[in-house]
């Protein structure tokens, strides 16, 4: 059984993910959508850390660290592409 603190934290993360998803879908420009995807990735990492803490499993935290690193590299690649560097 999950403690209520983890449940409430997960609800807050889900609300933030919903708002970030709205930014991705309704963003008026491409940089707004990139920021929305980056925010969504950060909230996914936060959810993985919450899941690892709730179930006392360190593997979720390790996966969250790798996912955060890949998300960062992906965001850098997209920013470089939007700037006109990857041709």
Protein backbone atom coordinates (compact mmCIF):
# COMPACT_ATOMS: atom_id res chain seq x y z
CA UNK A 1 0.00 0.00 0.00
CA UNK A 2 1.30 3.42 -0.96
CA UNK A 3 1.50 6.07 1.74
CA UNK A 4 -0.86 9.03 1.24
CA UNK A 5 2.07 11.44 0.90
CA UNK A 6 3.31 9.65 -2.21
CA UNK A 7 -0.19 9.54 -3.64
CA UNK A 8 -0.71 13.28 -3.22
CA UNK A 9 2.72 14.00 -4.67
CA UNK A 10 1.90 11.78 -7.67
CA UNK A 11 -1.36 13.67 -8.20
CA UNK A 12 0.51 16.98 -8.23
CA UNK A 13 3.04 15.58 -10.72
CA UNK A 14 0.18 14.34 -12.93
CA UNK A 15 -1.49 17.75 -12.89
CA UNK A 16 1.81 19.32 -13.92
CA UNK A 17 2.23 16.72 -16.67
CA UNK A 18 -1.26 17.50 -17.97
CA UNK A 19 -0.41 21.21 -18.11
CA UNK A 20 2.88 20.47 -19.89
CA UNK A 21 1.03 18.27 -22.37
CA UNK A 22 -1.35 21.14 -23.07
CA UNK A 23 1.68 23.36 -23.76
CA UNK A 24 3.01 20.76 -26.20
CA UNK A 25 -0.31 20.46 -28.03
CA UNK A 26 -1.34 24.13 -27.99
CA UNK A 27 2.03 25.88 -28.05
CA UNK A 28 2.00 28.71 -30.55
CA UNK A 29 5.61 28.16 -31.59
CA UNK A 30 8.12 25.33 -31.84
CA UNK A 31 10.29 26.55 -28.91
CA UNK A 32 7.18 26.54 -26.69
CA UNK A 33 6.57 22.93 -27.65
CA UNK A 34 10.19 22.02 -26.93
CA UNK A 35 9.95 23.60 -23.49
CA UNK A 36 6.72 21.65 -22.91
CA UNK A 37 8.38 18.36 -23.85
CA UNK A 38 11.35 19.13 -21.63
CA UNK A 39 9.03 19.93 -18.73
CA UNK A 40 7.11 16.72 -19.37
CA UNK A 41 10.36 14.74 -19.31
CA UNK A 42 11.34 16.37 -16.02
CA UNK A 43 7.97 15.45 -14.51
CA UNK A 44 8.37 11.86 -15.74
CA UNK A 45 11.72 11.71 -13.95
CA UNK A 46 10.06 13.09 -10.81
CA UNK A 47 7.38 10.42 -11.10
CA UNK A 48 10.01 7.70 -11.39
CA UNK A 49 11.79 8.98 -8.30
CA UNK A 50 8.47 9.07 -6.42
CA UNK A 51 7.73 5.53 -7.54
CA UNK A 52 11.14 4.36 -6.41
CA UNK A 53 10.74 6.03 -3.03
CA UNK A 54 7.21 4.73 -2.55
CA UNK A 55 8.12 1.11 -3.27
CA UNK A 56 11.66 1.36 -1.84
CA UNK A 57 13.27 0.25 -5.11
CA UNK A 58 16.50 1.88 -6.19
CA UNK A 59 16.24 0.59 -9.75
CA UNK A 60 13.58 3.21 -10.52
CA UNK A 61 15.91 5.97 -9.36
CA UNK A 62 18.74 4.61 -11.50
CA UNK A 63 16.45 4.50 -14.53
CA UNK A 64 15.28 8.05 -13.76
CA UNK A 65 18.89 9.28 -13.76
CA UNK A 66 19.58 7.70 -17.15
CA UNK A 67 16.29 9.02 -18.54
CA UNK A 68 17.12 12.52 -17.30
CA UNK A 69 20.53 12.39 -18.98
CA UNK A 70 19.04 11.22 -22.29
CA UNK A 71 16.33 13.86 -22.05
CA UNK A 72 18.94 16.57 -21.53
CA UNK A 73 20.98 15.41 -24.52
CA UNK A 74 17.83 15.24 -26.65
CA UNK A 75 16.84 18.76 -25.67
CA UNK A 76 20.30 20.02 -26.57
CA UNK A 77 20.08 18.32 -29.97
CA UNK A 78 16.68 19.85 -30.68
CA UNK A 79 17.90 23.31 -29.63
CA UNK A 80 20.94 22.97 -31.88
CA UNK A 81 18.69 21.88 -34.76
CA UNK A 82 16.32 24.81 -34.24
CA UNK A 83 19.27 27.17 -34.22
CA UNK A 84 20.31 25.80 -37.61
CA UNK A 85 23.38 23.85 -36.56
CA UNK A 86 22.41 20.33 -37.65
CA UNK A 87 22.16 20.21 -41.41
